[in-house]
Amino acid sequence: MDVLVVDDSRLARLELVEQLNHISGASLVGEAANIRQAKQQIESLKPDVVLLDINMPGGDGLELLAKIKARAPLMITMP
Protein backbone atom coordinates (compact mmCIF):
# COMPACT_ATOMS: atom_id res chain seq x y z
CA MET A 1 0.00 0.00 0.00
CA ASP A 2 1.58 3.27 -1.17
CA VAL A 3 1.03 6.14 1.27
CA LEU A 4 1.36 9.91 0.83
CA VAL A 5 1.60 12.03 4.00
CA VAL A 6 0.20 15.58 3.81
CA ASP A 7 0.61 17.96 6.75
CA ASP A 8 1.93 21.51 7.08
CA SER A 9 3.69 20.53 10.32
CA ARG A 10 7.08 18.93 9.70
CA LEU A 11 6.94 17.28 13.13
CA ALA A 12 3.54 15.76 12.39
CA ARG A 13 4.85 14.36 9.10
CA LEU A 14 7.87 12.88 10.88
CA GLU A 15 5.62 11.19 13.45
CA LEU A 16 3.36 9.74 10.75
CA VAL A 17 6.33 8.46 8.77
CA GLU A 18 7.69 6.81 11.91
CA GLN A 19 4.34 5.13 12.55
CA LEU A 20 4.19 3.92 8.93
CA ASN A 21 7.52 2.17 9.43
CA HIS A 22 5.73 -0.20 11.83
CA ILE A 23 2.94 -1.15 9.44
CA SER A 24 3.64 -4.19 7.34
CA GLY A 25 2.91 -3.55 3.67
CA ALA A 26 2.84 0.24 4.00
CA SER A 27 5.32 2.14 1.88
CA LEU A 28 5.84 5.91 2.05
CA VAL A 29 5.86 7.28 -1.49
CA GLY A 30 5.92 10.97 -0.66
CA GLU A 31 5.28 13.88 1.65
CA ALA A 32 3.62 17.23 1.03
CA ALA A 33 3.52 20.34 3.20
CA ASN A 34 0.61 22.09 1.47
CA ILE A 35 -2.41 21.54 -0.74
CA ARG A 36 -0.62 22.48 -3.98
CA GLN A 37 2.15 19.94 -3.37
CA ALA A 38 -0.40 17.33 -2.30
CA LYS A 39 -2.43 17.71 -5.49
CA GLN A 40 0.70 17.41 -7.64
CA GLN A 41 1.91 14.34 -5.78
CA ILE A 42 -1.47 12.61 -5.81
CA GLU A 43 -1.64 13.08 -9.57
CA SER A 44 1.93 11.92 -10.22
CA LEU A 45 2.41 9.22 -7.57
CA LYS A 46 -1.15 7.83 -7.50
CA PRO A 47 -0.92 6.65 -3.87
CA ASP A 48 -3.33 4.10 -2.42
CA VAL A 49 -3.76 6.11 0.78
CA VAL A 50 -3.33 9.79 1.64
CA LEU A 51 -2.95 10.78 5.28
CA LEU A 52 -4.30 14.29 5.01
CA ASP A 53 -4.38 17.18 7.46
CA ILE A 54 -7.66 19.02 6.99
CA ASN A 55 -6.62 22.48 8.18
CA MET A 56 -3.58 23.92 6.40
CA PRO A 57 -2.52 27.38 5.21
CA GLY A 58 -3.51 28.07 1.63
CA GLY A 59 -6.39 25.62 1.55
CA ASP A 60 -7.79 22.64 3.33
CA GLY A 61 -8.16 18.93 2.79
CA LEU A 62 -11.82 19.19 1.87
CA GLU A 63 -11.00 21.61 -0.95
CA LEU A 64 -8.38 19.16 -2.17
CA LEU A 65 -10.90 16.32 -2.17
CA ALA A 66 -13.23 18.40 -4.34
CA LYS A 67 -10.42 19.08 -6.83
CA ILE A 68 -9.41 15.45 -7.25
CA LYS A 69 -12.71 13.67 -6.57
CA ALA A 70 -12.61 11.71 -9.83
CA ARG A 71 -9.21 10.24 -8.96
CA ALA A 72 -9.41 10.29 -5.19
CA PRO A 73 -7.55 7.59 -3.30
CA LEU A 74 -8.71 6.64 0.16
CA MET A 75 -8.35 9.75 2.33
CA ILE A 76 -7.91 9.67 6.07
CA THR A 77 -8.33 13.09 7.64
CA MET A 78 -6.55 14.09 10.79
CA PRO A 79 -7.03 16.97 13.24
C-alpha atoms as a PDB file:
ATOM      1  CA  MET A   1       0.000   0.000   0.000  1.00  0.00           C
ATOM      2  CA  ASP A   2       1.582   3.265  -1.166  1.00  0.00           C
ATOM      3  CA  VAL A   3       1.033   6.145   1.272  1.00  0.00           C
ATOM      4  CA  LEU A   4       1.356   9.909   0.834  1.00  0.00           C
ATOM      5  CA  VAL A   5       1.602  12.027   4.001  1.00  0.00           C
ATOM      6  CA  VAL A   6       0.202  15.579   3.813  1.00  0.00           C
ATOM      7  CA  ASP A   7       0.610  17.965   6.747  1.00  0.00           C
ATOM      8  CA  ASP A   8       1.931  21.506   7.079  1.00  0.00           C
ATOM      9  CA  SER A   9       3.692  20.533  10.317  1.00  0.00           C
ATOM     10  CA  ARG A  10       7.079  18.931   9.703  1.00  0.00           C
ATOM     11  CA  LEU A  11       6.937  17.275  13.131  1.00  0.00           C
ATOM     12  CA  ALA A  12       3.540  15.759  12.387  1.00  0.00           C
ATOM     13  CA  ARG A  13       4.852  14.365   9.100  1.00  0.00           C
ATOM     14  CA  LEU A  14       7.873  12.885  10.878  1.00  0.00           C
ATOM     15  CA  GLU A  15       5.619  11.191  13.447  1.00  0.00           C
ATOM     16  CA  LEU A  16       3.357   9.740  10.750  1.00  0.00           C
ATOM     17  CA  VAL A  17       6.331   8.459   8.770  1.00  0.00           C
ATOM     18  CA  GLU A  18       7.693   6.814  11.914  1.00  0.00           C
ATOM     19  CA  GLN A  19       4.345   5.129  12.546  1.00  0.00           C
ATOM     20  CA  LEU A  20       4.186   3.924   8.934  1.00  0.00           C
ATOM     21  CA  ASN A  21       7.517   2.175   9.434  1.00  0.00           C
ATOM     22  CA  HIS A  22       5.727  -0.195  11.833  1.00  0.00           C
ATOM     23  CA  ILE A  23       2.935  -1.146   9.436  1.00  0.00           C
ATOM     24  CA  SER A  24       3.640  -4.189   7.338  1.00  0.00           C
ATOM     25  CA  GLY A  25       2.909  -3.554   3.673  1.00  0.00           C
ATOM     26  CA  ALA A  26       2.842   0.241   4.000  1.00  0.00           C
ATOM     27  CA  SER A  27       5.321   2.144   1.880  1.00  0.00           C
ATOM     28  CA  LEU A  28       5.842   5.906   2.052  1.00  0.00           C
ATOM     29  CA  VAL A  29       5.861   7.281  -1.493  1.00  0.00           C
ATOM     30  CA  GLY A  30       5.923  10.968  -0.663  1.00  0.00           C
ATOM     31  CA  GLU A  31       5.279  13.880   1.648  1.00  0.00           C
ATOM     32  CA  ALA A  32       3.621  17.232   1.032  1.00  0.00           C
ATOM     33  CA  ALA A  33       3.523  20.341   3.198  1.00  0.00           C
ATOM     34  CA  ASN A  34       0.611  22.092   1.470  1.00  0.00           C
ATOM     35  CA  ILE A  35      -2.410  21.538  -0.741  1.00  0.00           C
ATOM     36  CA  ARG A  36      -0.620  22.485  -3.984  1.00  0.00           C
ATOM     37  CA  GLN A  37       2.148  19.944  -3.368  1.00  0.00           C
ATOM     38  CA  ALA A  38      -0.400  17.326  -2.295  1.00  0.00           C
ATOM     39  CA  LYS A  39      -2.430  17.710  -5.493  1.00  0.00           C
ATOM     40  CA  GLN A  40       0.695  17.408  -7.639  1.00  0.00           C
ATOM     41  CA  GLN A  41       1.914  14.335  -5.781  1.00  0.00           C
ATOM     42  CA  ILE A  42      -1.467  12.611  -5.813  1.00  0.00           C
ATOM     43  CA  GLU A  43      -1.636  13.076  -9.573  1.00  0.00           C
ATOM     44  CA  SER A  44       1.929  11.925 -10.221  1.00  0.00           C
ATOM     45  CA  LEU A  45       2.409   9.222  -7.567  1.00  0.00           C
ATOM     46  CA  LYS A  46      -1.154   7.826  -7.500  1.00  0.00           C
ATOM     47  CA  PRO A  47      -0.921   6.646  -3.866  1.00  0.00           C
ATOM     48  CA  ASP A  48      -3.335   4.105  -2.424  1.00  0.00           C
ATOM     49  CA  VAL A  49      -3.762   6.112   0.784  1.00  0.00           C
ATOM     50  CA  VAL A  50      -3.326   9.789   1.643  1.00  0.00           C
ATOM     51  CA  LEU A  51      -2.947  10.777   5.278  1.00  0.00           C
ATOM     52  CA  LEU A  52      -4.300  14.285   5.009  1.00  0.00           C
ATOM     53  CA  ASP A  53      -4.379  17.175   7.458  1.00  0.00           C
ATOM     54  CA  ILE A  54      -7.660  19.020   6.994  1.00  0.00           C
ATOM     55  CA  ASN A  55      -6.617  22.477   8.178  1.00  0.00           C
ATOM     56  CA  MET A  56      -3.578  23.916   6.395  1.00  0.00           C
ATOM     57  CA  PRO A  57      -2.520  27.377   5.214  1.00  0.00           C
ATOM     58  CA  GLY A  58      -3.511  28.072   1.625  1.00  0.00           C
ATOM     59  CA  GLY A  59      -6.390  25.620   1.547  1.00  0.00           C
ATOM     60  CA  ASP A  60      -7.795  22.636   3.333  1.00  0.00           C
ATOM     61  CA  GLY A  61      -8.156  18.931   2.792  1.00  0.00           C
ATOM     62  CA  LEU A  62     -11.816  19.190   1.867  1.00  0.00           C
ATOM     63  CA  GLU A  63     -10.997  21.614  -0.951  1.00  0.00           C
ATOM     64  CA  LEU A  64      -8.380  19.163  -2.171  1.00  0.00           C
ATOM     65  CA  LEU A  65     -10.903  16.322  -2.169  1.00  0.00           C
ATOM     66  CA  ALA A  66     -13.232  18.402  -4.340  1.00  0.00           C
ATOM     67  CA  LYS A  67     -10.421  19.081  -6.834  1.00  0.00           C
ATOM     68  CA  ILE A  68      -9.413  15.454  -7.249  1.00  0.00           C
ATOM     69  CA  LYS A  69     -12.708  13.669  -6.573  1.00  0.00           C
ATOM     70  CA  ALA A  70     -12.607  11.710  -9.832  1.00  0.00           C
ATOM     71  CA  ARG A  71      -9.210  10.241  -8.959  1.00  0.00           C
ATOM     72  CA  ALA A  72      -9.410  10.290  -5.193  1.00  0.00           C
ATOM     73  CA  PRO A  73      -7.550   7.594  -3.305  1.00  0.00           C
ATOM     74  CA  LEU A  74      -8.709   6.642   0.157  1.00  0.00           C
ATOM     75  CA  MET A  75      -8.347   9.752   2.330  1.00  0.00           C
ATOM     76  CA  ILE A  76      -7.913   9.674   6.066  1.00  0.00           C
ATOM     77  CA  THR A  77      -8.333  13.089   7.640  1.00  0.00           C
ATOM     78  CA  MET A  78      -6.546  14.093  10.791  1.00  0.00           C
ATOM     79  CA  PRO A  79      -7.033  16.971  13.239  1.00  0.00           C
END
